Amino acid sequence: MAIEGLDRLKNKLTKKIPQAVEKRVREAMEQSANEAVSVMKSFAPVDDGDLQMSISWTWGDAPKGALTLARSSRKSSDGLRITIYAGGGDAYYARFVEFGTQAHTAGGKFAGATIPAIRPQPFFYPGWRLVRKRVTGRVTRNIKKALKEASA
């Protein structure tokens, strides 16, 4: 005895629904990353603009030397891992601005020089905390939309 519509159901469960969900989640993640980066840039102190310009996002891992601010929870085989970062290159000091430094005596080329403390001027994590709930809600809503569209 054959079950009517079984092939159609298998197609929805194995192809149509996962593809629709991935598309919608990707859109939500990109929109959320752009929003987070925009907020973080607005919170960043501006001297020469290098720090602000270094705040960005990418699929996969952050560039070498950059401070990772937020990353989707796990690396998956389908590439849905997004990373928000700052620093690297000319803005190597991003972590010093975010977390501050203690006064210390320099070594190396400037041995013996007293380096004053730098007070923290956080902009990454306050920006992320501001948008985190919207990000979660946006991804959840997009998953629900995808499931409704694909199952119709």
N, C-alpha and C. Protein backbone atom coordinates (compact mmCIF):
# COMPACT_ATOMS: atom_id res chain seq x y z
N MET A 1 0.84 -1.17 0.00
CA MET A 1 0.00 0.00 0.00
C MET A 1 0.89 1.25 0.00
N ALA A 2 0.71 2.14 -0.94
CA ALA A 2 1.49 3.36 -1.06
C ALA A 2 0.76 4.51 -0.38
N ILE A 3 1.52 5.40 0.20
CA ILE A 3 0.95 6.56 0.87
C ILE A 3 0.95 7.71 -0.12
N GLU A 4 -0.24 8.29 -0.34
CA GLU A 4 -0.35 9.40 -1.29
C GLU A 4 0.35 10.65 -0.75
N GLY A 5 1.10 11.32 -1.60
CA GLY A 5 1.74 12.57 -1.24
C GLY A 5 3.05 12.42 -0.45
N LEU A 6 3.52 11.19 -0.26
CA LEU A 6 4.74 10.98 0.52
C LEU A 6 5.95 11.61 -0.16
N ASP A 7 6.04 11.50 -1.46
CA ASP A 7 7.17 12.10 -2.19
C ASP A 7 7.16 13.62 -2.06
N ARG A 8 5.96 14.20 -2.14
CA ARG A 8 5.85 15.66 -1.99
C ARG A 8 6.27 16.10 -0.59
N LEU A 9 5.87 15.34 0.42
CA LEU A 9 6.24 15.64 1.80
C LEU A 9 7.75 15.52 1.99
N LYS A 10 8.34 14.47 1.47
CA LYS A 10 9.80 14.30 1.58
C LYS A 10 10.53 15.46 0.92
N ASN A 11 10.05 15.90 -0.23
CA ASN A 11 10.67 17.03 -0.93
C ASN A 11 10.61 18.29 -0.08
N LYS A 12 9.47 18.54 0.55
CA LYS A 12 9.35 19.72 1.40
C LYS A 12 10.29 19.64 2.59
N LEU A 13 10.33 18.48 3.23
CA LEU A 13 11.13 18.33 4.45
C LEU A 13 12.63 18.33 4.19
N THR A 14 13.06 17.82 3.05
CA THR A 14 14.50 17.70 2.81
C THR A 14 15.07 18.79 1.92
N LYS A 15 14.24 19.45 1.13
CA LYS A 15 14.78 20.47 0.23
C LYS A 15 14.14 21.84 0.40
N LYS A 16 12.84 21.90 0.23
CA LYS A 16 12.16 23.19 0.17
C LYS A 16 12.25 23.96 1.50
N ILE A 17 11.93 23.31 2.62
CA ILE A 17 11.94 23.99 3.91
C ILE A 17 13.36 24.41 4.32
N PRO A 18 14.36 23.51 4.27
CA PRO A 18 15.72 23.95 4.64
C PRO A 18 16.24 25.10 3.78
N GLN A 19 15.96 25.08 2.49
CA GLN A 19 16.42 26.16 1.62
C GLN A 19 15.74 27.48 1.96
N ALA A 20 14.44 27.42 2.21
CA ALA A 20 13.70 28.64 2.56
C ALA A 20 14.18 29.20 3.90
N VAL A 21 14.40 28.32 4.87
CA VAL A 21 14.87 28.77 6.18
C VAL A 21 16.26 29.38 6.06
N GLU A 22 17.15 28.73 5.34
CA GLU A 22 18.51 29.27 5.20
C GLU A 22 18.48 30.65 4.54
N LYS A 23 17.67 30.81 3.50
CA LYS A 23 17.58 32.11 2.81
C LYS A 23 17.10 33.20 3.77
N ARG A 24 16.03 32.91 4.50
CA ARG A 24 15.48 33.90 5.42
C ARG A 24 16.43 34.20 6.59
N VAL A 25 17.08 33.19 7.12
CA VAL A 25 18.01 33.38 8.23
C VAL A 25 19.20 34.22 7.76
N ARG A 26 19.70 33.92 6.57
CA ARG A 26 20.81 34.68 6.00
C ARG A 26 20.44 36.17 5.90
N GLU A 27 19.23 36.44 5.39
CA GLU A 27 18.76 37.83 5.26
C GLU A 27 18.69 38.51 6.63
N ALA A 28 18.14 37.80 7.61
CA ALA A 28 18.01 38.37 8.96
C ALA A 28 19.38 38.62 9.58
N MET A 29 20.31 37.70 9.38
CA MET A 29 21.65 37.86 9.95
C MET A 29 22.38 39.04 9.32
N GLU A 30 22.26 39.19 8.00
CA GLU A 30 22.91 40.33 7.33
C GLU A 30 22.32 41.65 7.80
N GLN A 31 20.99 41.72 7.87
CA GLN A 31 20.35 42.95 8.32
C GLN A 31 20.76 43.26 9.76
N SER A 32 20.81 42.25 10.59
CA SER A 32 21.18 42.44 12.00
C SER A 32 22.63 42.86 12.14
N ALA A 33 23.52 42.26 11.36
CA ALA A 33 24.94 42.64 11.42
C ALA A 33 25.12 44.08 10.98
N ASN A 34 24.42 44.49 9.93
CA ASN A 34 24.51 45.89 9.48
C ASN A 34 24.01 46.84 10.55
N GLU A 35 22.92 46.47 11.23
CA GLU A 35 22.39 47.31 12.30
C GLU A 35 23.38 47.40 13.46
N ALA A 36 23.94 46.26 13.87
CA ALA A 36 24.90 46.25 14.98
C ALA A 36 26.13 47.09 14.65
N VAL A 37 26.66 46.93 13.45
CA VAL A 37 27.84 47.69 13.03
C VAL A 37 27.53 49.19 13.05
N SER A 38 26.38 49.57 12.57
CA SER A 38 26.00 50.98 12.54
C SER A 38 25.94 51.56 13.97
N VAL A 39 25.34 50.82 14.89
CA VAL A 39 25.24 51.29 16.28
C VAL A 39 26.63 51.37 16.91
N MET A 40 27.45 50.35 16.69
CA MET A 40 28.80 50.34 17.25
C MET A 40 29.64 51.49 16.71
N LYS A 41 29.51 51.77 15.42
CA LYS A 41 30.24 52.90 14.84
C LYS A 41 29.80 54.23 15.46
N SER A 42 28.51 54.33 15.75
CA SER A 42 28.02 55.58 16.34
C SER A 42 28.52 55.74 17.78
N PHE A 43 28.80 54.64 18.48
CA PHE A 43 29.32 54.69 19.85
C PHE A 43 30.83 54.86 19.90
N ALA A 44 31.53 54.54 18.82
CA ALA A 44 33.01 54.57 18.82
C ALA A 44 33.53 55.99 18.91
N PRO A 45 34.54 56.21 19.75
CA PRO A 45 35.17 57.54 19.79
C PRO A 45 35.89 57.80 18.47
N VAL A 46 35.87 59.06 18.06
CA VAL A 46 36.48 59.40 16.77
C VAL A 46 37.68 60.30 16.98
N ASP A 47 38.82 59.85 16.48
CA ASP A 47 40.03 60.66 16.47
C ASP A 47 40.37 60.89 15.01
N ASP A 48 40.90 59.87 14.37
CA ASP A 48 41.20 59.99 12.94
C ASP A 48 40.24 59.16 12.08
N GLY A 49 39.30 58.43 12.70
CA GLY A 49 38.31 57.66 11.97
C GLY A 49 38.70 56.23 11.66
N ASP A 50 39.97 55.86 11.93
CA ASP A 50 40.41 54.49 11.63
C ASP A 50 39.63 53.46 12.42
N LEU A 51 39.38 53.75 13.69
CA LEU A 51 38.66 52.80 14.53
C LEU A 51 37.24 52.61 14.01
N GLN A 52 36.54 53.68 13.75
CA GLN A 52 35.18 53.59 13.22
C GLN A 52 35.14 52.80 11.93
N MET A 53 36.07 53.09 11.04
CA MET A 53 36.08 52.41 9.74
C MET A 53 36.45 50.93 9.85
N SER A 54 37.08 50.53 10.95
CA SER A 54 37.49 49.13 11.10
C SER A 54 36.35 48.25 11.60
N ILE A 55 35.27 48.83 12.07
CA ILE A 55 34.14 48.05 12.58
C ILE A 55 33.34 47.55 11.38
N SER A 56 33.20 46.22 11.30
CA SER A 56 32.51 45.63 10.16
C SER A 56 32.05 44.22 10.51
N TRP A 57 31.55 43.49 9.52
CA TRP A 57 31.15 42.10 9.71
C TRP A 57 31.53 41.30 8.48
N THR A 58 31.59 39.99 8.66
CA THR A 58 31.92 39.10 7.56
C THR A 58 31.31 37.73 7.81
N TRP A 59 31.10 36.98 6.74
CA TRP A 59 30.72 35.58 6.88
C TRP A 59 31.99 34.83 7.22
N GLY A 60 31.96 33.99 8.23
CA GLY A 60 33.16 33.24 8.63
C GLY A 60 33.91 33.94 9.74
N ASP A 61 35.24 33.90 9.66
CA ASP A 61 36.09 34.45 10.71
C ASP A 61 36.51 35.89 10.43
N ALA A 62 36.82 36.62 11.50
CA ALA A 62 37.29 38.00 11.39
C ALA A 62 38.71 38.00 10.82
N PRO A 63 39.11 39.11 10.20
CA PRO A 63 40.49 39.21 9.71
C PRO A 63 41.49 39.08 10.85
N LYS A 64 42.67 38.65 10.52
CA LYS A 64 43.73 38.46 11.52
C LYS A 64 44.02 39.79 12.23
N GLY A 65 44.13 39.73 13.54
CA GLY A 65 44.44 40.92 14.33
C GLY A 65 43.23 41.72 14.78
N ALA A 66 42.05 41.38 14.27
CA ALA A 66 40.84 42.12 14.65
C ALA A 66 40.26 41.55 15.94
N LEU A 67 39.58 42.39 16.67
CA LEU A 67 38.88 42.00 17.89
C LEU A 67 37.50 41.52 17.50
N THR A 68 37.18 40.27 17.82
CA THR A 68 35.86 39.73 17.50
C THR A 68 34.87 40.22 18.54
N LEU A 69 33.82 40.84 18.06
CA LEU A 69 32.82 41.42 18.95
C LEU A 69 31.67 40.48 19.18
N ALA A 70 31.18 39.89 18.12
CA ALA A 70 30.04 38.98 18.22
C ALA A 70 30.19 37.96 17.09
N ARG A 71 29.76 36.76 17.38
CA ARG A 71 29.85 35.70 16.38
C ARG A 71 28.63 34.82 16.56
N SER A 72 28.05 34.39 15.45
CA SER A 72 26.93 33.46 15.58
C SER A 72 27.43 32.21 16.28
N SER A 73 26.54 31.53 16.97
CA SER A 73 26.92 30.55 17.98
C SER A 73 27.85 29.43 17.56
N ARG A 74 27.76 28.93 16.36
CA ARG A 74 28.67 27.84 16.01
C ARG A 74 28.95 27.84 14.53
N LYS A 75 30.06 27.25 14.19
CA LYS A 75 30.44 27.14 12.80
C LYS A 75 29.69 25.95 12.22
N SER A 76 28.99 26.19 11.14
CA SER A 76 28.22 25.11 10.54
C SER A 76 28.73 24.82 9.14
N SER A 77 28.40 23.67 8.65
CA SER A 77 28.88 23.26 7.32
C SER A 77 28.23 24.08 6.22
N ASP A 78 27.09 24.72 6.49
CA ASP A 78 26.41 25.49 5.45
C ASP A 78 26.89 26.94 5.39
N GLY A 79 27.86 27.32 6.22
CA GLY A 79 28.44 28.65 6.14
C GLY A 79 27.65 29.74 6.83
N LEU A 80 26.67 29.40 7.63
CA LEU A 80 25.87 30.42 8.30
C LEU A 80 26.53 30.84 9.61
N ARG A 81 27.73 31.35 9.51
CA ARG A 81 28.44 31.87 10.67
C ARG A 81 28.88 33.28 10.33
N ILE A 82 28.42 34.22 11.12
CA ILE A 82 28.72 35.62 10.85
C ILE A 82 29.51 36.17 12.03
N THR A 83 30.48 37.04 11.74
CA THR A 83 31.34 37.59 12.77
C THR A 83 31.37 39.11 12.64
N ILE A 84 31.15 39.79 13.76
CA ILE A 84 31.27 41.24 13.81
C ILE A 84 32.59 41.54 14.50
N TYR A 85 33.37 42.45 13.93
CA TYR A 85 34.72 42.68 14.44
C TYR A 85 35.11 44.15 14.33
N ALA A 86 36.23 44.49 14.98
CA ALA A 86 36.81 45.83 14.89
C ALA A 86 38.31 45.70 15.07
N GLY A 87 39.02 46.66 14.57
CA GLY A 87 40.47 46.69 14.75
C GLY A 87 41.20 45.98 13.63
N GLY A 88 42.47 45.73 13.89
CA GLY A 88 43.33 45.18 12.85
C GLY A 88 43.87 46.33 12.00
N GLY A 89 44.96 46.11 11.34
CA GLY A 89 45.54 47.14 10.49
C GLY A 89 45.84 48.41 11.25
N ASP A 90 45.39 49.54 10.73
CA ASP A 90 45.66 50.84 11.35
C ASP A 90 44.93 51.03 12.68
N ALA A 91 43.91 50.24 12.93
CA ALA A 91 43.14 50.38 14.17
C ALA A 91 43.43 49.22 15.11
N TYR A 92 44.71 48.84 15.21
CA TYR A 92 45.15 47.73 16.07
C TYR A 92 44.77 47.98 17.54
N TYR A 93 44.52 49.21 17.90
CA TYR A 93 44.29 49.62 19.29
C TYR A 93 42.82 49.47 19.72
N ALA A 94 41.99 48.85 18.91
CA ALA A 94 40.55 48.75 19.23
C ALA A 94 40.31 48.15 20.61
N ARG A 95 41.03 47.10 20.95
CA ARG A 95 40.82 46.46 22.26
C ARG A 95 41.25 47.37 23.40
N PHE A 96 42.26 48.24 23.18
CA PHE A 96 42.69 49.16 24.23
C PHE A 96 41.61 50.20 24.50
N VAL A 97 40.94 50.65 23.43
CA VAL A 97 39.87 51.63 23.58
C VAL A 97 38.67 50.99 24.28
N GLU A 98 38.31 49.79 23.85
CA GLU A 98 37.15 49.10 24.44
C GLU A 98 37.34 48.78 25.91
N PHE A 99 38.49 48.23 26.27
CA PHE A 99 38.70 47.73 27.63
C PHE A 99 39.60 48.61 28.49
N GLY A 100 40.32 49.56 27.89
CA GLY A 100 41.25 50.40 28.64
C GLY A 100 42.56 49.66 28.93
N THR A 101 43.50 50.36 29.53
CA THR A 101 44.78 49.76 29.92
C THR A 101 45.17 50.27 31.29
N GLN A 102 46.11 49.57 31.92
CA GLN A 102 46.66 50.03 33.18
C GLN A 102 47.95 50.78 32.90
N ALA A 103 48.32 51.67 33.81
CA ALA A 103 49.61 52.34 33.69
C ALA A 103 50.70 51.28 33.82
N HIS A 104 51.74 51.41 33.03
CA HIS A 104 52.82 50.43 33.08
C HIS A 104 54.12 51.04 32.55
N THR A 105 55.20 50.33 32.78
CA THR A 105 56.49 50.75 32.27
C THR A 105 56.77 49.96 31.00
N ALA A 106 57.11 50.67 29.96
CA ALA A 106 57.32 50.04 28.66
C ALA A 106 58.62 49.26 28.63
N GLY A 107 58.63 48.29 27.75
CA GLY A 107 59.84 47.53 27.48
C GLY A 107 60.19 47.70 26.01
N GLY A 108 61.12 46.93 25.54
CA GLY A 108 61.47 46.96 24.12
C GLY A 108 62.07 48.28 23.70
N LYS A 109 61.64 48.78 22.57
CA LYS A 109 62.17 50.01 21.97
C LYS A 109 62.03 51.22 22.91
N PHE A 110 60.97 51.25 23.71
CA PHE A 110 60.73 52.38 24.61
C PHE A 110 60.95 51.99 26.07
N ALA A 111 61.89 51.11 26.33
CA ALA A 111 62.15 50.58 27.68
C ALA A 111 62.31 51.71 28.69
N GLY A 112 61.60 51.55 29.80
CA GLY A 112 61.70 52.51 30.89
C GLY A 112 60.68 53.62 30.83
N ALA A 113 60.05 53.83 29.70
CA ALA A 113 59.05 54.90 29.58
C ALA A 113 57.80 54.51 30.36
N THR A 114 57.22 55.48 31.03
CA THR A 114 55.99 55.24 31.78
C THR A 114 54.80 55.51 30.86
N ILE A 115 53.98 54.49 30.71
CA ILE A 115 52.80 54.60 29.86
C ILE A 115 51.60 54.80 30.78
N PRO A 116 50.87 55.92 30.61
CA PRO A 116 49.73 56.18 31.49
C PRO A 116 48.56 55.23 31.20
N ALA A 117 47.69 55.11 32.18
CA ALA A 117 46.49 54.29 31.99
C ALA A 117 45.58 54.96 30.97
N ILE A 118 44.88 54.13 30.23
CA ILE A 118 43.87 54.63 29.28
C ILE A 118 42.53 54.17 29.81
N ARG A 119 41.61 55.10 30.01
CA ARG A 119 40.30 54.71 30.52
C ARG A 119 39.51 54.02 29.41
N PRO A 120 38.72 53.02 29.77
CA PRO A 120 37.94 52.32 28.74
C PRO A 120 36.86 53.23 28.16
N GLN A 121 36.64 53.09 26.86
CA GLN A 121 35.58 53.80 26.16
C GLN A 121 34.79 52.75 25.37
N PRO A 122 34.03 51.92 26.06
CA PRO A 122 33.37 50.81 25.39
C PRO A 122 32.38 51.26 24.32
N PHE A 123 32.44 50.59 23.21
CA PHE A 123 31.50 50.86 22.12
C PHE A 123 31.02 49.57 21.47
N PHE A 124 31.82 48.49 21.52
CA PHE A 124 31.42 47.22 20.91
C PHE A 124 30.27 46.60 21.67
N TYR A 125 30.54 46.26 22.93
CA TYR A 125 29.57 45.50 23.70
C TYR A 125 28.33 46.29 24.07
N PRO A 126 28.43 47.59 24.38
CA PRO A 126 27.18 48.34 24.58
C PRO A 126 26.33 48.36 23.30
N GLY A 127 26.98 48.48 22.16
CA GLY A 127 26.25 48.45 20.88
C GLY A 127 25.57 47.12 20.65
N TRP A 128 26.30 46.04 20.95
CA TRP A 128 25.74 44.70 20.77
C TRP A 128 24.57 44.47 21.72
N ARG A 129 24.74 44.88 22.98
CA ARG A 129 23.65 44.70 23.95
C ARG A 129 22.39 45.46 23.53
N LEU A 130 22.59 46.60 22.89
CA LEU A 130 21.46 47.41 22.45
C LEU A 130 20.64 46.70 21.36
N VAL A 131 21.28 45.97 20.47
CA VAL A 131 20.58 45.35 19.34
C VAL A 131 20.32 43.85 19.51
N ARG A 132 20.88 43.23 20.52
CA ARG A 132 20.82 41.76 20.68
C ARG A 132 19.40 41.21 20.65
N LYS A 133 18.47 41.80 21.39
CA LYS A 133 17.09 41.29 21.42
C LYS A 133 16.41 41.42 20.07
N ARG A 134 16.65 42.53 19.38
CA ARG A 134 16.07 42.71 18.04
C ARG A 134 16.62 41.68 17.08
N VAL A 135 17.90 41.37 17.20
CA VAL A 135 18.53 40.37 16.33
C VAL A 135 17.87 39.01 16.54
N THR A 136 17.74 38.60 17.78
CA THR A 136 17.13 37.31 18.09
C THR A 136 15.70 37.24 17.57
N GLY A 137 14.94 38.29 17.81
CA GLY A 137 13.56 38.34 17.34
C GLY A 137 13.46 38.30 15.83
N ARG A 138 14.34 39.02 15.16
CA ARG A 138 14.34 39.07 13.70
C ARG A 138 14.62 37.69 13.10
N VAL A 139 15.61 37.00 13.64
CA VAL A 139 15.95 35.67 13.13
C VAL A 139 14.78 34.71 13.38
N THR A 140 14.21 34.74 14.56
CA THR A 140 13.08 33.87 14.89
C THR A 140 11.90 34.13 13.96
N ARG A 141 11.55 35.40 13.75
CA ARG A 141 10.44 35.74 12.86
C ARG A 141 10.71 35.26 11.44
N ASN A 142 11.94 35.41 10.97
CA ASN A 142 12.26 34.98 9.61
C ASN A 142 12.20 33.46 9.47
N ILE A 143 12.56 32.74 10.50
CA ILE A 143 12.44 31.27 10.45
C ILE A 143 10.97 30.89 10.34
N LYS A 144 10.12 31.53 11.14
CA LYS A 144 8.69 31.23 11.09
C LYS A 144 8.10 31.57 9.73
N LYS A 145 8.49 32.72 9.15
CA LYS A 145 8.02 33.09 7.81
C LYS A 145 8.42 32.04 6.78
N ALA A 146 9.67 31.61 6.86
CA ALA A 146 10.17 30.62 5.90
C ALA A 146 9.40 29.31 6.00
N LEU A 147 9.14 28.88 7.23
CA LEU A 147 8.39 27.63 7.43
C LEU A 147 6.98 27.75 6.86
N LYS A 148 6.33 28.89 7.07
CA LYS A 148 4.98 29.09 6.52
C LYS A 148 5.00 29.10 5.00
N GLU A 149 5.96 29.83 4.42
CA GLU A 149 6.04 29.92 2.96
C GLU A 149 6.33 28.56 2.33
N ALA A 150 7.28 27.84 2.90
CA ALA A 150 7.71 26.58 2.31
C ALA A 150 6.67 25.47 2.49
N SER A 151 5.90 25.55 3.56
CA SER A 151 4.94 24.48 3.79
C SER A 151 3.60 24.73 3.11
N ALA A 152 3.40 25.93 2.58
CA ALA A 152 2.14 26.26 1.90
C ALA A 152 1.99 25.53 0.57
